[in-house]
Amino acid sequence: MASRVDHEYDYLFKIVLIGDSGVGKSNILSRFTRNEFCLESKSTIGVEFATRTLQASSPTELCSSFLEV
């Protein structure tokens, strides 16, 4: 089944963060998408997904979808 897009963007980026355990992938994701940083975060079990929409020079709209594995 195809997914339905609720909003059209000028650009859609899908980014996968891959790396060794304990290097800060989740904190990079958290900082960029929610502007949060936790020094005492625990290791991610499984995957984490987040999105962020950015407004560039008007009327360009960007959407970034992140998957951290």
PDB file of N, CA and C in Angstrom:
ATOM      1  N   MET A   1       0.839  -1.172   0.000  1.00  0.00           N
ATOM      2  CA  MET A   1       0.000   0.000   0.000  1.00  0.00           C
ATOM      3  C   MET A   1       0.888   1.241   0.000  1.00  0.00           C
ATOM      4  N   ALA A   2       0.639   2.149  -0.884  1.00  0.00           N
ATOM      5  CA  ALA A   2       1.429   3.384  -0.966  1.00  0.00           C
ATOM      6  C   ALA A   2       1.003   4.352   0.128  1.00  0.00           C
ATOM      7  N   SER A   3       1.974   5.079   0.662  1.00  0.00           N
ATOM      8  CA  SER A   3       1.647   6.065   1.688  1.00  0.00           C
ATOM      9  C   SER A   3       1.131   7.340   1.031  1.00  0.00           C
ATOM     10  N   ARG A   4       0.257   8.030   1.729  1.00  0.00           N
ATOM     11  CA  ARG A   4      -0.340   9.256   1.215  1.00  0.00           C
ATOM     12  C   ARG A   4       0.430  10.452   1.758  1.00  0.00           C
ATOM     13  N   VAL A   5       0.741  11.399   0.906  1.00  0.00           N
ATOM     14  CA  VAL A   5       1.451  12.606   1.326  1.00  0.00           C
ATOM     15  C   VAL A   5       0.411  13.664   1.671  1.00  0.00           C
ATOM     16  N   ASP A   6       0.431  14.157   2.924  1.00  0.00           N
ATOM     17  CA  ASP A   6      -0.531  15.164   3.359  1.00  0.00           C
ATOM     18  C   ASP A   6      -0.179  16.559   2.857  1.00  0.00           C
ATOM     19  N   HIS A   7       1.079  16.810   2.611  1.00  0.00           N
ATOM     20  CA  HIS A   7       1.526  18.143   2.230  1.00  0.00           C
ATOM     21  C   HIS A   7       2.631  17.999   1.196  1.00  0.00           C
ATOM     22  N   GLU A   8       2.596  18.833   0.196  1.00  0.00           N
ATOM     23  CA  GLU A   8       3.657  18.792  -0.803  1.00  0.00           C
ATOM     24  C   GLU A   8       4.734  19.803  -0.450  1.00  0.00           C
ATOM     25  N   TYR A   9       5.964  19.395  -0.602  1.00  0.00           N
ATOM     26  CA  TYR A   9       7.116  20.240  -0.307  1.00  0.00           C
ATOM     27  C   TYR A   9       7.875  20.484  -1.597  1.00  0.00           C
ATOM     28  N   ASP A  10       8.627  21.566  -1.611  1.00  0.00           N
ATOM     29  CA  ASP A  10       9.474  21.831  -2.765  1.00  0.00           C
ATOM     30  C   ASP A  10      10.612  20.815  -2.831  1.00  0.00           C
ATOM     31  N   TYR A  11      11.121  20.447  -1.670  1.00  0.00           N
ATOM     32  CA  TYR A  11      12.191  19.450  -1.571  1.00  0.00           C
ATOM     33  C   TYR A  11      11.908  18.545  -0.380  1.00  0.00           C
ATOM     34  N   LEU A  12      12.118  17.250  -0.563  1.00  0.00           N
ATOM     35  CA  LEU A  12      11.955  16.285   0.521  1.00  0.00           C
ATOM     36  C   LEU A  12      13.241  15.480   0.624  1.00  0.00           C
ATOM     37  N   PHE A  13      13.886  15.548   1.781  1.00  0.00           N
ATOM     38  CA  PHE A  13      15.125  14.817   2.026  1.00  0.00           C
ATOM     39  C   PHE A  13      14.842  13.692   3.004  1.00  0.00           C
ATOM     40  N   LYS A  14      15.335  12.508   2.709  1.00  0.00           N
ATOM     41  CA  LYS A  14      15.242  11.377   3.631  1.00  0.00           C
ATOM     42  C   LYS A  14      16.664  10.992   3.998  1.00  0.00           C
ATOM     43  N   ILE A  15      16.961  11.044   5.280  1.00  0.00           N
ATOM     44  CA  ILE A  15      18.326  10.866   5.762  1.00  0.00           C
ATOM     45  C   ILE A  15      18.368   9.701   6.737  1.00  0.00           C
ATOM     46  N   VAL A  16      19.321   8.807   6.551  1.00  0.00           N
ATOM     47  CA  VAL A  16      19.522   7.678   7.456  1.00  0.00           C
ATOM     48  C   VAL A  16      20.843   7.895   8.178  1.00  0.00           C
ATOM     49  N   LEU A  17      20.795   7.880   9.511  1.00  0.00           N
ATOM     50  CA  LEU A  17      22.006   8.013  10.323  1.00  0.00           C
ATOM     51  C   LEU A  17      22.473   6.621  10.722  1.00  0.00           C
ATOM     52  N   ILE A  18      23.680   6.262  10.330  1.00  0.00           N
ATOM     53  CA  ILE A  18      24.243   4.948  10.627  1.00  0.00           C
ATOM     54  C   ILE A  18      25.608   5.153  11.266  1.00  0.00           C
ATOM     55  N   GLY A  19      25.898   4.376  12.295  1.00  0.00           N
ATOM     56  CA  GLY A  19      27.211   4.486  12.921  1.00  0.00           C
ATOM     57  C   GLY A  19      27.340   3.544  14.095  1.00  0.00           C
ATOM     58  N   ASP A  20      28.499   3.542  14.689  1.00  0.00           N
ATOM     59  CA  ASP A  20      28.765   2.696  15.845  1.00  0.00           C
ATOM     60  C   ASP A  20      27.880   3.086  17.019  1.00  0.00           C
ATOM     61  N   SER A  21      27.726   2.164  17.947  1.00  0.00           N
ATOM     62  CA  SER A  21      26.941   2.400  19.156  1.00  0.00           C
ATOM     63  C   SER A  21      27.620   3.438  20.040  1.00  0.00           C
ATOM     64  N   GLY A  22      26.814   4.332  20.610  1.00  0.00           N
ATOM     65  CA  GLY A  22      27.328   5.285  21.582  1.00  0.00           C
ATOM     66  C   GLY A  22      28.066   6.483  21.018  1.00  0.00           C
ATOM     67  N   VAL A  23      27.915   6.768  19.722  1.00  0.00           N
ATOM     68  CA  VAL A  23      28.646   7.899  19.142  1.00  0.00           C
ATOM     69  C   VAL A  23      27.824   9.188  19.075  1.00  0.00           C
ATOM     70  N   GLY A  24      26.510   9.122  19.360  1.00  0.00           N
ATOM     71  CA  GLY A  24      25.695  10.329  19.415  1.00  0.00           C
ATOM     72  C   GLY A  24      24.703  10.529  18.287  1.00  0.00           C
ATOM     73  N   LYS A  25      24.355   9.469  17.560  1.00  0.00           N
ATOM     74  CA  LYS A  25      23.395   9.601  16.461  1.00  0.00           C
ATOM     75  C   LYS A  25      22.051  10.115  16.963  1.00  0.00           C
ATOM     76  N   SER A  26      21.557   9.559  18.053  1.00  0.00           N
ATOM     77  CA  SER A  26      20.262   9.986  18.600  1.00  0.00           C
ATOM     78  C   SER A  26      20.304  11.423  19.086  1.00  0.00           C
ATOM     79  N   ASN A  27      21.425  11.843  19.663  1.00  0.00           N
ATOM     80  CA  ASN A  27      21.536  13.224  20.127  1.00  0.00           C
ATOM     81  C   ASN A  27      21.608  14.210  18.966  1.00  0.00           C
ATOM     82  N   ILE A  28      22.244  13.834  17.879  1.00  0.00           N
ATOM     83  CA  ILE A  28      22.247  14.685  16.682  1.00  0.00           C
ATOM     84  C   ILE A  28      20.821  14.829  16.159  1.00  0.00           C
ATOM     85  N   LEU A  29      20.110  13.715  16.089  1.00  0.00           N
ATOM     86  CA  LEU A  29      18.724  13.713  15.632  1.00  0.00           C
ATOM     87  C   LEU A  29      17.844  14.564  16.543  1.00  0.00           C
ATOM     88  N   SER A  30      17.978  14.386  17.833  1.00  0.00           N
ATOM     89  CA  SER A  30      17.200  15.137  18.816  1.00  0.00           C
ATOM     90  C   SER A  30      17.507  16.629  18.758  1.00  0.00           C
ATOM     91  N   ARG A  31      18.762  16.958  18.627  1.00  0.00           N
ATOM     92  CA  ARG A  31      19.170  18.365  18.587  1.00  0.00           C
ATOM     93  C   ARG A  31      18.628  19.065  17.341  1.00  0.00           C
ATOM     94  N   PHE A  32      18.690  18.409  16.202  1.00  0.00           N
ATOM     95  CA  PHE A  32      18.237  19.024  14.960  1.00  0.00           C
ATOM     96  C   PHE A  32      16.714  19.113  14.871  1.00  0.00           C
ATOM     97  N   THR A  33      16.000  18.073  15.314  1.00  0.00           N
ATOM     98  CA  THR A  33      14.547  18.047  15.134  1.00  0.00           C
ATOM     99  C   THR A  33      13.775  18.685  16.282  1.00  0.00           C
ATOM    100  N   ARG A  34      14.278  18.602  17.522  1.00  0.00           N
ATOM    101  CA  ARG A  34      13.541  19.124  18.681  1.00  0.00           C
ATOM    102  C   ARG A  34      14.309  20.174  19.473  1.00  0.00           C
ATOM    103  N   ASN A  35      15.526  20.492  19.035  1.00  0.00           N
ATOM    104  CA  ASN A  35      16.403  21.440  19.727  1.00  0.00           C
ATOM    105  C   ASN A  35      16.641  21.024  21.182  1.00  0.00           C
ATOM    106  N   GLU A  36      16.840  19.719  21.396  1.00  0.00           N
ATOM    107  CA  GLU A  36      17.122  19.168  22.721  1.00  0.00           C
ATOM    108  C   GLU A  36      18.440  18.411  22.669  1.00  0.00           C
ATOM    109  N   PHE A  37      19.125  18.366  23.797  1.00  0.00           N
ATOM    110  CA  PHE A  37      20.348  17.575  23.906  1.00  0.00           C
ATOM    111  C   PHE A  37      20.406  17.002  25.314  1.00  0.00           C
ATOM    112  N   CYS A  38      20.583  15.701  25.424  1.00  0.00           N
ATOM    113  CA  CYS A  38      20.611  15.040  26.723  1.00  0.00           C
ATOM    114  C   CYS A  38      21.965  14.357  26.904  1.00  0.00           C
ATOM    115  N   LEU A  39      22.711  14.812  27.899  1.00  0.00           N
ATOM    116  CA  LEU A  39      24.026  14.217  28.160  1.00  0.00           C
ATOM    117  C   LEU A  39      23.926  12.789  28.681  1.00  0.00           C
ATOM    118  N   GLU A  40      22.798  12.442  29.272  1.00  0.00           N
ATOM    119  CA  GLU A  40      22.645  11.126  29.889  1.00  0.00           C
ATOM    120  C   GLU A  40      21.649  10.256  29.136  1.00  0.00           C
ATOM    121  N   SER A  41      21.637  10.348  27.816  1.00  0.00           N
ATOM    122  CA  SER A  41      20.714   9.532  27.035  1.00  0.00           C
ATOM    123  C   SER A  41      21.180   8.082  27.016  1.00  0.00           C
ATOM    124  N   LYS A  42      20.220   7.190  26.846  1.00  0.00           N
ATOM    125  CA  LYS A  42      20.515   5.758  26.797  1.00  0.00           C
ATOM    126  C   LYS A  42      20.579   5.309  25.343  1.00  0.00           C
ATOM    127  N   SER A  43      21.217   4.188  25.118  1.00  0.00           N
ATOM    128  CA  SER A  43      21.342   3.650  23.761  1.00  0.00           C
ATOM    129  C   SER A  43      19.970   3.354  23.175  1.00  0.00           C
ATOM    130  N   THR A  44      19.822   3.654  21.904  1.00  0.00           N
ATOM    131  CA  THR A  44      18.580   3.373  21.196  1.00  0.00           C
ATOM    132  C   THR A  44      18.511   1.885  20.893  1.00  0.00           C
ATOM    133  N   ILE A  45      17.369   1.286  21.201  1.00  0.00           N
ATOM    134  CA  ILE A  45      17.135  -0.111  20.847  1.00  0.00           C
ATOM    135  C   ILE A  45      16.141  -0.094  19.693  1.00  0.00           C
ATOM    136  N   GLY A  46      16.537  -0.604  18.560  1.00  0.00           N
ATOM    137  CA  GLY A  46      15.690  -0.548  17.377  1.00  0.00           C
ATOM    138  C   GLY A  46      16.027   0.675  16.545  1.00  0.00           C
ATOM    139  N   VAL A  47      15.000   1.431  16.176  1.00  0.00           N
ATOM    140  CA  VAL A  47      15.200   2.618  15.343  1.00  0.00           C
ATOM    141  C   VAL A  47      14.474   3.810  15.950  1.00  0.00           C
ATOM    142  N   GLU A  48      14.864   5.000  15.534  1.00  0.00           N
ATOM    143  CA  GLU A  48      14.192   6.231  15.941  1.00  0.00           C
ATOM    144  C   GLU A  48      13.884   7.018  14.679  1.00  0.00           C
ATOM    145  N   PHE A  49      12.696   7.606  14.625  1.00  0.00           N
ATOM    146  CA  PHE A  49      12.260   8.352  13.447  1.00  0.00           C
ATOM    147  C   PHE A  49      11.845   9.755  13.860  1.00  0.00           C
ATOM    148  N   ALA A  50      12.215  10.753  13.086  1.00  0.00           N
ATOM    149  CA  ALA A  50      11.824  12.135  13.369  1.00  0.00           C
ATOM    150  C   ALA A  50      11.790  12.925  12.071  1.00  0.00           C
ATOM    151  N   THR A  51      11.009  13.995  12.062  1.00  0.00           N
ATOM    152  CA  THR A  51      10.942  14.877  10.899  1.00  0.00           C
ATOM    153  C   THR A  51      11.088  16.327  11.334  1.00  0.00           C
ATOM    154  N   ARG A  52      11.497  17.147  10.395  1.00  0.00           N
ATOM    155  CA  ARG A  52      11.568  18.586  10.626  1.00  0.00           C
ATOM    156  C   ARG A  52      11.302  19.290   9.304  1.00  0.00           C
ATOM    157  N   THR A  53      10.449  20.289   9.347  1.00  0.00           N
ATOM    158  CA  THR A  53      10.150  21.094   8.169  1.00  0.00           C
ATOM    159  C   THR A  53      10.840  22.436   8.312  1.00  0.00           C
ATOM    160  N   LEU A  54      11.525  22.844   7.272  1.00  0.00           N
ATOM    161  CA  LEU A  54      12.260  24.108   7.276  1.00  0.00           C
ATOM    162  C   LEU A  54      11.711  25.031   6.200  1.00  0.00           C
ATOM    163  N   GLN A  55      11.664  26.302   6.503  1.00  0.00           N
ATOM    164  CA  GLN A  55      11.284  27.308   5.511  1.00  0.00           C
ATOM    165  C   GLN A  55      12.568  27.976   5.038  1.00  0.00           C
ATOM    166  N   ALA A  56      12.900  27.781   3.786  1.00  0.00           N
ATOM    167  CA  ALA A  56      14.092  28.421   3.213  1.00  0.00           C
ATOM    168  C   ALA A  56      13.653  29.763   2.638  1.00  0.00           C
ATOM    169  N   SER A  57      14.382  30.271   1.684  1.00  0.00           N
ATOM    170  CA  SER A  57      13.967  31.533   1.072  1.00  0.00           C
ATOM    171  C   SER A  57      12.563  31.356   0.489  1.00  0.00           C
ATOM    172  N   SER A  58      11.695  32.242   0.844  1.00  0.00           N
ATOM    173  CA  SER A  58      10.275  32.134   0.523  1.00  0.00           C
ATOM    174  C   SER A  58      10.076  31.980  -0.978  1.00  0.00           C
ATOM    175  N   PRO A  59       9.198  31.164  -1.448  1.00  0.00           N
ATOM    176  CA  PRO A  59       8.310  30.249  -0.744  1.00  0.00           C
ATOM    177  C   PRO A  59       8.831  28.815  -0.692  1.00  0.00           C
ATOM    178  N   THR A  60      10.121  28.598  -0.763  1.00  0.00           N
ATOM    179  CA  THR A  60      10.683  27.251  -0.756  1.00  0.00           C
ATOM    180  C   THR A  60      10.495  26.600   0.607  1.00  0.00           C
ATOM    181  N   GLU A  61       9.980  25.362   0.609  1.00  0.00           N
ATOM    182  CA  GLU A  61       9.771  24.635   1.852  1.00  0.00           C
ATOM    183  C   GLU A  61      10.481  23.288   1.760  1.00  0.00           C
ATOM    184  N   LEU A  62      11.232  22.957   2.794  1.00  0.00           N
ATOM    185  CA  LEU A  62      12.002  21.722   2.841  1.00  0.00           C
ATOM    186  C   LEU A  62      11.465  20.838   3.949  1.00  0.00           C
ATOM    187  N   CYS A  63      11.434  19.545   3.720  1.00  0.00           N
ATOM    188  CA  CYS A  63      11.062  18.600   4.766  1.00  0.00           C
ATOM    189  C   CYS A  63      12.166  17.556   4.853  1.00  0.00           C
ATOM    190  N   SER A  64      12.649  17.321   6.068  1.00  0.00           N
ATOM    191  CA  SER A  64      13.684  16.317   6.294  1.00  0.00           C
ATOM    192  C   SER A  64      13.109  15.201   7.141  1.00  0.00           C
ATOM    193  N   SER A  65      13.219  13.984   6.674  1.00  0.00           N
ATOM    194  CA  SER A  65      12.803  12.815   7.437  1.00  0.00           C
ATOM    195  C   SER A  65      14.049  12.037   7.805  1.00  0.00           C
ATOM    196  N   PHE A  66      14.208  11.742   9.089  1.00  0.00           N
ATOM    197  CA  PHE A  66      15.396  11.065   9.589  1.00  0.00           C
ATOM    198  C   PHE A  66      15.036   9.694  10.128  1.00  0.00           C
ATOM    199  N   LEU A  67      15.887   8.733   9.868  1.00  0.00           N
ATOM    200  CA  LEU A  67      15.772   7.402  10.441  1.00  0.00           C
ATOM    201  C   LEU A  67      17.123   7.066  11.032  1.00  0.00           C
ATOM    202  N   GLU A  68      17.150   6.798  12.325  1.00  0.00           N
ATOM    203  CA  GLU A  68      18.401   6.461  13.011  1.00  0.00           C
ATOM    204  C   GLU A  68      18.368   4.983  13.333  1.00  0.00           C
ATOM    205  N   VAL A  69      19.368   4.254  12.851  1.00  0.00           N
ATOM    206  CA  VAL A  69      19.430   2.807  13.089  1.00  0.00           C
ATOM    207  C   VAL A  69      20.686   2.449  13.828  1.00  0.00           C
TER     208      VAL A  69
END
